[in-house]
Structures are given as structure tokens and as C-alpha cells.
């Protein structure tokens, strides 16, 4: 439990760094507009968000579309925790620009998923994303 709390905190801190660096935007419209630029390649969705809302947000960004190619979707945290990073009560959709901070978020989300008994939902399940789950590796050859 203590380790899970630490990983949740690390994800929040990394997300906060992304926000302050101008590499993260939150909210349905802002995140969709950011994805349209093609510079944003990571989407964090609230783990407690509804399936219908997730599908509506991702419509038009399928793997077959130009904008959806290379897009990674994860849902490691609930909406209230995501909201705290952006000074809101609740956030469901966050877009992150491609780069080291995005890679760190995916890595930490993978670690959290491993602690949650390999929960596919924490890493980005097909239910959440409509896409196949990407494998995460910590660089040592061991899957996280």
C-alpha cells in the first residue's frame, strides 16, 4: 500500500512537471485540440471515467488515422487525483507531448499496474483504449 501511494505521488509529480513545462493539457476540448497538432502522443484518462466518454474522446484518433498512429492511452489514476495536478476538482482527459516526461509517465504507470496485480486497466486496457496494451520495460529486461 505504501509503495502504491509512492507511485501515485510520482505519477502526479511527473504530470505536474509536464504541465509546468507546457507539455500537458487537461480537459476534453483542450486535449482533443492538442492531439490534432500531432505533437501529443500520450493520453491519460481517469480510471473512473465512463467507457462512453472515453470512446467519444478518442473518436477520430484510431490507430488507422494519421493522428492516432503512435498514440498511447493509459489510465493509472482516478479523476480527482488528475484534477489536483491541474487545480480542478476532477479531470478525465489529459494529453501529454511526446518526450522524456511522457516516457516517464508510461514507465511509472506500468510499475503501478504491476503492483495492482498486473491490472490491465491501470496500464491502459482495451476497454479503456480500444487498442492493444503496449509492453513496458524498465530497461533491465524485466517486464514491469
Protein backbone atom coordinates (compact mmCIF):
# COMPACT_ATOMS: atom_id res chain seq x y z
CA UNK A 1 0.00 0.00 0.00
CA UNK A 2 2.83 2.39 0.84
CA UNK A 3 4.58 1.62 -2.43
CA UNK A 4 1.38 2.19 -4.41
CA UNK A 5 0.93 5.58 -2.72
CA UNK A 6 4.53 6.48 -3.60
CA UNK A 7 3.98 5.54 -7.25
CA UNK A 8 0.75 7.54 -7.40
CA UNK A 9 2.68 10.50 -5.98
CA UNK A 10 5.48 10.04 -8.56
CA UNK A 11 2.98 9.93 -11.41
CA UNK A 12 1.37 13.10 -10.06
CA UNK A 13 4.75 14.83 -9.76
CA UNK A 14 5.74 13.84 -13.30
CA UNK A 15 2.39 15.03 -14.59
CA UNK A 16 2.89 18.31 -12.71
CA UNK A 17 6.29 18.76 -14.34
CA UNK A 18 4.71 18.15 -17.73
CA UNK A 19 2.04 20.75 -17.00
CA UNK A 20 4.55 23.37 -15.86
CA UNK A 21 6.73 22.67 -18.91
CA UNK A 22 3.76 23.32 -21.17
CA UNK A 23 3.67 19.69 -22.29
CA UNK A 24 0.34 18.71 -20.73
CA UNK A 25 -3.19 19.97 -21.23
CA UNK A 26 -6.34 18.84 -19.47
CA UNK A 27 -9.98 18.79 -20.40
CA UNK A 28 -11.97 17.34 -23.26
CA UNK A 29 -11.66 20.17 -25.80
CA UNK A 30 -8.11 21.25 -24.96
CA UNK A 31 -6.79 17.70 -25.03
CA UNK A 32 -8.53 16.88 -28.34
CA UNK A 33 -7.18 20.07 -29.89
CA UNK A 34 -3.68 19.22 -28.64
CA UNK A 35 -3.93 15.74 -30.17
CA UNK A 36 -4.89 17.28 -33.51
CA UNK A 37 -1.49 19.03 -33.63
CA UNK A 38 0.23 15.63 -33.81
CA UNK A 39 2.79 16.65 -31.16
CA UNK A 40 0.94 14.99 -28.30
CA UNK A 41 1.32 11.20 -28.24
CA UNK A 42 0.20 10.21 -24.73
CA UNK A 43 -3.30 10.38 -23.30
CA UNK A 44 -4.04 9.88 -19.62
CA UNK A 45 -7.67 9.12 -18.88
CA UNK A 46 -9.22 8.94 -15.44
CA UNK A 47 -9.53 5.34 -14.30
CA UNK A 48 -13.02 6.12 -13.01
CA UNK A 49 -14.18 7.71 -16.29
CA UNK A 50 -17.06 6.16 -18.19
CA UNK A 51 -16.44 3.93 -21.19
CA UNK A 52 -18.77 6.00 -23.36
CA UNK A 53 -16.88 9.21 -22.55
CA UNK A 54 -13.53 7.57 -23.30
CA UNK A 55 -14.75 6.30 -26.66
CA UNK A 56 -16.24 9.67 -27.54
CA UNK A 57 -12.95 11.41 -26.70
CA UNK A 58 -10.90 9.00 -28.82
CA UNK A 59 -13.22 9.06 -31.84
CA UNK A 60 -11.24 10.15 -34.87
CA UNK A 61 -7.91 9.17 -33.29
CA UNK A 62 -7.98 5.47 -34.15
CA UNK A 63 -4.77 3.59 -34.95
CA UNK A 64 -5.64 3.70 -38.65
CA UNK A 65 -5.79 7.52 -38.69
CA UNK A 66 -2.74 9.70 -39.20
CA UNK A 67 -3.24 11.43 -35.84
CA UNK A 68 -3.86 8.20 -33.95
CA UNK A 69 -0.67 6.49 -35.13
CA UNK A 70 1.70 6.03 -32.21
CA UNK A 71 -0.85 7.26 -29.66
CA UNK A 72 -0.57 5.66 -26.22
CA UNK A 73 -3.50 5.72 -23.81
CA UNK A 74 -3.18 4.90 -20.11
CA UNK A 75 -5.49 5.31 -17.13
CA UNK A 76 -3.44 4.92 -13.95
CA UNK A 77 -5.21 7.46 -11.70
CA UNK A 78 -8.76 8.46 -10.79
CA UNK A 79 -10.16 11.80 -11.95
CA UNK A 80 -9.85 13.57 -8.60
CA UNK A 81 -6.10 12.85 -8.44
CA UNK A 82 -5.61 14.03 -12.03
CA UNK A 83 -7.66 17.10 -11.21
CA UNK A 84 -5.43 18.11 -8.30
CA UNK A 85 -2.47 18.45 -10.66
CA UNK A 86 -4.41 20.94 -12.78
CA UNK A 87 -6.12 22.80 -9.92
CA UNK A 88 -9.53 21.31 -10.64
CA UNK A 89 -11.91 19.02 -8.81
CA UNK A 90 -11.97 16.33 -11.49
CA UNK A 91 -10.21 15.75 -14.82
CA UNK A 92 -10.95 12.86 -17.18
CA UNK A 93 -8.69 13.56 -20.19
CA UNK A 94 -5.07 14.76 -20.29
CA UNK A 95 -2.86 14.99 -23.38
CA UNK A 96 0.94 14.83 -22.95
CA UNK A 97 3.51 15.88 -25.57
CA UNK A 98 5.93 13.20 -26.74
CA UNK A 99 9.26 13.20 -24.90
CA UNK A 100 11.06 12.07 -21.76
CA UNK A 101 8.30 13.16 -19.39
CA UNK A 102 5.73 11.14 -21.36
CA UNK A 103 8.05 8.13 -21.30
CA UNK A 104 8.47 8.50 -17.52
CA UNK A 105 4.70 8.61 -17.06
CA UNK A 106 4.25 5.40 -19.04
CA UNK A 107 7.03 3.72 -17.05
CA UNK A 108 5.60 4.73 -13.67
CA UNK A 109 2.08 3.71 -14.77
CA UNK A 110 3.49 0.30 -15.73
CA UNK A 111 5.06 -0.07 -12.31
CA UNK A 112 1.79 0.87 -10.64
CA UNK A 113 -0.05 -1.64 -12.83
CA UNK A 114 2.41 -4.32 -11.73
CA UNK A 115 1.66 -3.59 -8.10
CA UNK A 116 -2.03 -3.80 -8.79
CA UNK A 117 -1.57 -7.47 -9.75
CA UNK A 118 -0.89 -6.68 -13.37
CA UNK A 119 -4.12 -4.74 -13.72
CA UNK A 120 -4.54 -4.07 -17.44
CA UNK A 121 -6.83 -1.20 -16.55
CA UNK A 122 -4.06 0.74 -14.81
CA UNK A 123 -1.78 0.33 -17.83
CA UNK A 124 -4.40 1.03 -20.46
CA UNK A 125 -6.74 -1.82 -21.18
CA UNK A 126 -8.54 -2.49 -24.42
CA UNK A 127 -11.69 -1.47 -22.55
CA UNK A 128 -10.11 1.90 -21.86
CA UNK A 129 -8.31 2.43 -25.14
CA UNK A 130 -9.69 0.14 -27.82
CA UNK A 131 -6.05 -0.64 -28.59
CA UNK A 132 -3.64 -3.37 -27.70
CA UNK A 133 -1.70 -2.86 -24.47
CA UNK A 134 1.87 -1.71 -25.03
CA UNK A 135 4.56 -3.59 -23.16
CA UNK A 136 6.60 -1.63 -20.65
CA UNK A 137 10.16 -2.49 -19.78
CA UNK A 138 12.28 -0.94 -17.06
CA UNK A 139 15.48 -1.17 -19.11
CA UNK A 140 16.82 -4.24 -17.33
CA UNK A 141 14.93 -6.70 -19.50
CA UNK A 142 12.35 -7.40 -16.79
CA UNK A 143 8.76 -6.57 -17.60
CA UNK A 144 7.14 -4.18 -15.23
